[in-house]
Amino acid sequence: MIVCMKRWLILLVTITALAAVSGCSNKNIDTAKVREALQSLSGDAKQNLDQGLKAIDEGNFTAAVRPLKVIAYKVKLDKHQRAVLEDTITKVEAKAEAQKK
């Protein structure tokens, strides 16, 4: 179990880093695109998504990071959903960092 979690964490960090390096020059966050990609979520995952996207829409990027990461760690997503979520998390983290300055 721990080995699986370590592999998952390494994969998550790698994908986030690749997204940051390769294609995140556009820092605009399209919450409609995220909603569409993750429309199959339900229960707690849906609540976390709504909470994160609401925070993004309000410009509170620091508050958006945690609920989106909860989805990334706890919800099984397909390849497209994972890519959209990881790209969004990368952009939100960059904007949150800028807000702190």
N, C-alpha and C. Protein backbone atom coordinates (compact mmCIF):
# COMPACT_ATOMS: atom_id res chain seq x y z
N MET A 1 0.84 -1.20 0.00
CA MET A 1 0.00 0.00 0.00
C MET A 1 0.88 1.25 0.00
N ILE A 2 1.89 1.26 0.87
CA ILE A 2 2.76 2.44 0.96
C ILE A 2 3.56 2.61 -0.33
N VAL A 3 4.01 1.50 -0.92
CA VAL A 3 4.74 1.57 -2.18
C VAL A 3 3.85 2.16 -3.26
N CYS A 4 2.60 1.74 -3.29
CA CYS A 4 1.65 2.25 -4.27
C CYS A 4 1.44 3.76 -4.09
N MET A 5 1.31 4.20 -2.85
CA MET A 5 1.13 5.62 -2.56
C MET A 5 2.37 6.42 -2.97
N LYS A 6 3.55 5.86 -2.74
CA LYS A 6 4.78 6.55 -3.15
C LYS A 6 4.83 6.69 -4.66
N ARG A 7 4.48 5.63 -5.36
CA ARG A 7 4.47 5.69 -6.82
C ARG A 7 3.46 6.73 -7.30
N TRP A 8 2.30 6.75 -6.67
CA TRP A 8 1.25 7.70 -7.02
C TRP A 8 1.74 9.12 -6.79
N LEU A 9 2.39 9.36 -5.67
CA LEU A 9 2.89 10.70 -5.36
C LEU A 9 3.97 11.12 -6.35
N ILE A 10 4.86 10.20 -6.68
CA ILE A 10 5.91 10.50 -7.66
C ILE A 10 5.28 10.84 -9.01
N LEU A 11 4.28 10.06 -9.41
CA LEU A 11 3.59 10.33 -10.67
C LEU A 11 2.92 11.69 -10.65
N LEU A 12 2.25 12.01 -9.56
CA LEU A 12 1.56 13.29 -9.43
C LEU A 12 2.53 14.46 -9.51
N VAL A 13 3.64 14.35 -8.81
CA VAL A 13 4.65 15.42 -8.82
C VAL A 13 5.25 15.56 -10.22
N THR A 14 5.51 14.43 -10.87
CA THR A 14 6.08 14.46 -12.21
C THR A 14 5.14 15.13 -13.21
N ILE A 15 3.87 14.75 -13.16
CA ILE A 15 2.90 15.33 -14.07
C ILE A 15 2.76 16.83 -13.83
N THR A 16 2.73 17.22 -12.57
CA THR A 16 2.61 18.64 -12.23
C THR A 16 3.82 19.41 -12.75
N ALA A 17 5.00 18.85 -12.54
CA ALA A 17 6.22 19.51 -13.00
C ALA A 17 6.25 19.63 -14.53
N LEU A 18 5.87 18.56 -15.20
CA LEU A 18 5.84 18.60 -16.67
C LEU A 18 4.84 19.62 -17.18
N ALA A 19 3.70 19.69 -16.55
CA ALA A 19 2.70 20.67 -16.96
C ALA A 19 3.22 22.09 -16.75
N ALA A 20 3.92 22.30 -15.65
CA ALA A 20 4.46 23.62 -15.34
C ALA A 20 5.52 24.03 -16.36
N VAL A 21 6.35 23.08 -16.74
CA VAL A 21 7.44 23.38 -17.67
C VAL A 21 6.95 23.47 -19.11
N SER A 22 6.05 22.60 -19.50
CA SER A 22 5.71 22.49 -20.91
C SER A 22 4.64 23.43 -21.42
N GLY A 23 3.53 23.55 -20.73
CA GLY A 23 2.45 24.25 -21.39
C GLY A 23 1.68 25.24 -20.56
N CYS A 24 2.23 25.77 -19.55
CA CYS A 24 1.44 26.63 -18.68
C CYS A 24 1.80 28.09 -18.81
N SER A 25 2.20 28.50 -19.98
CA SER A 25 2.45 29.92 -20.16
C SER A 25 1.15 30.70 -20.10
N ASN A 26 0.05 30.05 -20.48
CA ASN A 26 -1.26 30.67 -20.37
C ASN A 26 -1.78 30.41 -18.97
N LYS A 27 -1.84 31.43 -18.15
CA LYS A 27 -2.21 31.26 -16.75
C LYS A 27 -3.71 31.43 -16.51
N ASN A 28 -4.49 31.61 -17.57
CA ASN A 28 -5.93 31.71 -17.39
C ASN A 28 -6.50 30.35 -17.03
N ILE A 29 -7.43 30.35 -16.12
CA ILE A 29 -8.02 29.11 -15.67
C ILE A 29 -9.46 29.06 -16.15
N ASP A 30 -9.74 28.12 -17.02
CA ASP A 30 -11.07 27.94 -17.59
C ASP A 30 -11.86 26.98 -16.70
N THR A 31 -12.60 27.52 -15.74
CA THR A 31 -13.33 26.67 -14.80
C THR A 31 -14.44 25.89 -15.50
N ALA A 32 -14.98 26.42 -16.58
CA ALA A 32 -16.01 25.69 -17.32
C ALA A 32 -15.43 24.42 -17.94
N LYS A 33 -14.21 24.50 -18.42
CA LYS A 33 -13.54 23.34 -18.99
C LYS A 33 -13.30 22.28 -17.91
N VAL A 34 -12.91 22.72 -16.73
CA VAL A 34 -12.67 21.80 -15.62
C VAL A 34 -13.99 21.14 -15.20
N ARG A 35 -15.03 21.94 -15.07
CA ARG A 35 -16.36 21.42 -14.71
C ARG A 35 -16.83 20.36 -15.72
N GLU A 36 -16.63 20.66 -17.00
CA GLU A 36 -17.05 19.73 -18.05
C GLU A 36 -16.27 18.42 -17.97
N ALA A 37 -14.96 18.52 -17.77
CA ALA A 37 -14.12 17.32 -17.72
C ALA A 37 -14.43 16.45 -16.51
N LEU A 38 -14.84 17.09 -15.41
CA LEU A 38 -15.06 16.36 -14.16
C LEU A 38 -16.53 16.27 -13.78
N GLN A 39 -17.41 16.37 -14.74
CA GLN A 39 -18.85 16.36 -14.46
C GLN A 39 -19.34 15.05 -13.89
N SER A 40 -18.58 13.97 -14.03
CA SER A 40 -19.00 12.66 -13.52
C SER A 40 -18.76 12.51 -12.01
N LEU A 41 -18.10 13.46 -11.38
CA LEU A 41 -17.85 13.36 -9.95
C LEU A 41 -19.15 13.47 -9.16
N SER A 42 -19.15 12.83 -8.00
CA SER A 42 -20.32 12.91 -7.12
C SER A 42 -19.86 12.92 -5.67
N GLY A 43 -20.78 13.19 -4.78
CA GLY A 43 -20.49 13.15 -3.34
C GLY A 43 -19.45 14.16 -2.91
N ASP A 44 -18.52 13.69 -2.05
CA ASP A 44 -17.47 14.57 -1.52
C ASP A 44 -16.59 15.15 -2.62
N ALA A 45 -16.31 14.33 -3.63
CA ALA A 45 -15.46 14.81 -4.73
C ALA A 45 -16.12 15.98 -5.44
N LYS A 46 -17.41 15.90 -5.67
CA LYS A 46 -18.16 16.99 -6.31
C LYS A 46 -18.13 18.24 -5.44
N GLN A 47 -18.29 18.05 -4.13
CA GLN A 47 -18.26 19.20 -3.21
C GLN A 47 -16.88 19.86 -3.23
N ASN A 48 -15.82 19.04 -3.24
CA ASN A 48 -14.47 19.60 -3.31
C ASN A 48 -14.26 20.36 -4.61
N LEU A 49 -14.75 19.79 -5.71
CA LEU A 49 -14.63 20.46 -7.00
C LEU A 49 -15.35 21.81 -6.98
N ASP A 50 -16.58 21.80 -6.50
CA ASP A 50 -17.36 23.04 -6.43
C ASP A 50 -16.67 24.08 -5.55
N GLN A 51 -16.13 23.63 -4.43
CA GLN A 51 -15.44 24.54 -3.51
C GLN A 51 -14.19 25.13 -4.17
N GLY A 52 -13.40 24.29 -4.84
CA GLY A 52 -12.19 24.77 -5.50
C GLY A 52 -12.49 25.72 -6.65
N LEU A 53 -13.47 25.38 -7.47
CA LEU A 53 -13.79 26.23 -8.61
C LEU A 53 -14.45 27.54 -8.18
N LYS A 54 -15.23 27.50 -7.12
CA LYS A 54 -15.82 28.73 -6.59
C LYS A 54 -14.72 29.67 -6.10
N ALA A 55 -13.72 29.11 -5.42
CA ALA A 55 -12.60 29.92 -4.94
C ALA A 55 -11.84 30.53 -6.11
N ILE A 56 -11.67 29.76 -7.19
CA ILE A 56 -10.99 30.29 -8.38
C ILE A 56 -11.80 31.44 -8.96
N ASP A 57 -13.10 31.23 -9.11
CA ASP A 57 -13.97 32.26 -9.68
C ASP A 57 -13.94 33.54 -8.83
N GLU A 58 -13.77 33.39 -7.53
CA GLU A 58 -13.71 34.54 -6.62
C GLU A 58 -12.30 35.14 -6.55
N GLY A 59 -11.33 34.49 -7.19
CA GLY A 59 -9.97 35.00 -7.17
C GLY A 59 -9.18 34.62 -5.93
N ASN A 60 -9.70 33.69 -5.15
CA ASN A 60 -9.02 33.23 -3.93
C ASN A 60 -8.29 31.93 -4.25
N PHE A 61 -7.15 32.05 -4.92
CA PHE A 61 -6.44 30.90 -5.42
C PHE A 61 -5.83 30.05 -4.31
N THR A 62 -5.43 30.68 -3.22
CA THR A 62 -4.89 29.93 -2.09
C THR A 62 -5.93 28.95 -1.55
N ALA A 63 -7.17 29.38 -1.46
CA ALA A 63 -8.25 28.51 -0.95
C ALA A 63 -8.63 27.43 -1.95
N ALA A 64 -8.30 27.60 -3.20
CA ALA A 64 -8.67 26.62 -4.23
C ALA A 64 -7.74 25.42 -4.29
N VAL A 65 -6.52 25.58 -3.82
CA VAL A 65 -5.51 24.53 -3.96
C VAL A 65 -5.92 23.24 -3.23
N ARG A 66 -6.25 23.34 -1.97
CA ARG A 66 -6.51 22.15 -1.16
C ARG A 66 -7.64 21.28 -1.70
N PRO A 67 -8.83 21.83 -1.97
CA PRO A 67 -9.89 20.94 -2.46
C PRO A 67 -9.57 20.27 -3.79
N LEU A 68 -8.83 20.94 -4.66
CA LEU A 68 -8.45 20.34 -5.92
C LEU A 68 -7.44 19.21 -5.72
N LYS A 69 -6.52 19.41 -4.79
CA LYS A 69 -5.54 18.36 -4.50
C LYS A 69 -6.20 17.15 -3.83
N VAL A 70 -7.23 17.39 -3.04
CA VAL A 70 -7.96 16.27 -2.44
C VAL A 70 -8.53 15.38 -3.54
N ILE A 71 -9.08 15.99 -4.56
CA ILE A 71 -9.61 15.22 -5.70
C ILE A 71 -8.47 14.44 -6.36
N ALA A 72 -7.35 15.10 -6.58
CA ALA A 72 -6.22 14.45 -7.26
C ALA A 72 -5.72 13.24 -6.48
N TYR A 73 -5.73 13.31 -5.16
CA TYR A 73 -5.21 12.21 -4.34
C TYR A 73 -6.24 11.11 -4.10
N LYS A 74 -7.51 11.45 -4.03
CA LYS A 74 -8.50 10.48 -3.57
C LYS A 74 -9.44 9.92 -4.63
N VAL A 75 -9.49 10.54 -5.80
CA VAL A 75 -10.49 10.14 -6.79
C VAL A 75 -9.80 9.49 -7.99
N LYS A 76 -10.37 8.38 -8.43
CA LYS A 76 -9.85 7.72 -9.63
C LYS A 76 -10.39 8.46 -10.85
N LEU A 77 -9.48 8.98 -11.67
CA LEU A 77 -9.86 9.76 -12.84
C LEU A 77 -9.27 9.11 -14.09
N ASP A 78 -9.89 9.36 -15.23
CA ASP A 78 -9.30 8.87 -16.48
C ASP A 78 -8.16 9.82 -16.88
N LYS A 79 -7.46 9.46 -17.95
CA LYS A 79 -6.27 10.21 -18.37
C LYS A 79 -6.60 11.68 -18.68
N HIS A 80 -7.69 11.91 -19.41
CA HIS A 80 -8.07 13.28 -19.76
C HIS A 80 -8.44 14.09 -18.51
N GLN A 81 -9.23 13.50 -17.63
CA GLN A 81 -9.62 14.19 -16.40
C GLN A 81 -8.39 14.53 -15.56
N ARG A 82 -7.48 13.58 -15.44
CA ARG A 82 -6.26 13.79 -14.66
C ARG A 82 -5.45 14.93 -15.25
N ALA A 83 -5.32 14.97 -16.57
CA ALA A 83 -4.54 16.03 -17.23
C ALA A 83 -5.16 17.41 -16.99
N VAL A 84 -6.48 17.49 -17.12
CA VAL A 84 -7.17 18.77 -16.89
C VAL A 84 -6.99 19.21 -15.44
N LEU A 85 -7.15 18.28 -14.51
CA LEU A 85 -7.03 18.62 -13.10
C LEU A 85 -5.60 19.05 -12.75
N GLU A 86 -4.61 18.31 -13.24
CA GLU A 86 -3.21 18.65 -12.95
C GLU A 86 -2.84 20.02 -13.52
N ASP A 87 -3.29 20.30 -14.73
CA ASP A 87 -3.03 21.60 -15.34
C ASP A 87 -3.66 22.72 -14.50
N THR A 88 -4.87 22.47 -14.05
CA THR A 88 -5.57 23.46 -13.23
C THR A 88 -4.85 23.68 -11.91
N ILE A 89 -4.44 22.61 -11.26
CA ILE A 89 -3.72 22.73 -9.98
C ILE A 89 -2.43 23.52 -10.17
N THR A 90 -1.71 23.25 -11.24
CA THR A 90 -0.46 23.97 -11.51
C THR A 90 -0.71 25.47 -11.67
N LYS A 91 -1.73 25.80 -12.43
CA LYS A 91 -2.07 27.21 -12.65
C LYS A 91 -2.54 27.88 -11.36
N VAL A 92 -3.35 27.17 -10.58
CA VAL A 92 -3.85 27.73 -9.32
C VAL A 92 -2.70 27.96 -8.35
N GLU A 93 -1.78 27.00 -8.26
CA GLU A 93 -0.63 27.16 -7.37
C GLU A 93 0.22 28.36 -7.77
N ALA A 94 0.40 28.56 -9.07
CA ALA A 94 1.18 29.73 -9.54
C ALA A 94 0.48 31.03 -9.17
N LYS A 95 -0.82 31.06 -9.35
CA LYS A 95 -1.58 32.28 -9.00
C LYS A 95 -1.61 32.49 -7.48
N ALA A 96 -1.69 31.41 -6.72
CA ALA A 96 -1.67 31.52 -5.26
C ALA A 96 -0.33 32.07 -4.79
N GLU A 97 0.73 31.61 -5.41
CA GLU A 97 2.07 32.09 -5.08
C GLU A 97 2.18 33.58 -5.39
N ALA A 98 1.64 34.00 -6.51
CA ALA A 98 1.67 35.42 -6.89
C ALA A 98 0.85 36.26 -5.92
N GLN A 99 -0.24 35.71 -5.40
CA GLN A 99 -1.07 36.44 -4.44
C GLN A 99 -0.33 36.69 -3.13
N LYS A 100 0.56 35.78 -2.76
CA LYS A 100 1.29 35.90 -1.51
C LYS A 100 2.31 37.01 -1.55
N LYS A 101 2.76 37.37 -2.76
CA LYS A 101 3.81 38.40 -2.89
C LYS A 101 3.26 39.78 -2.77
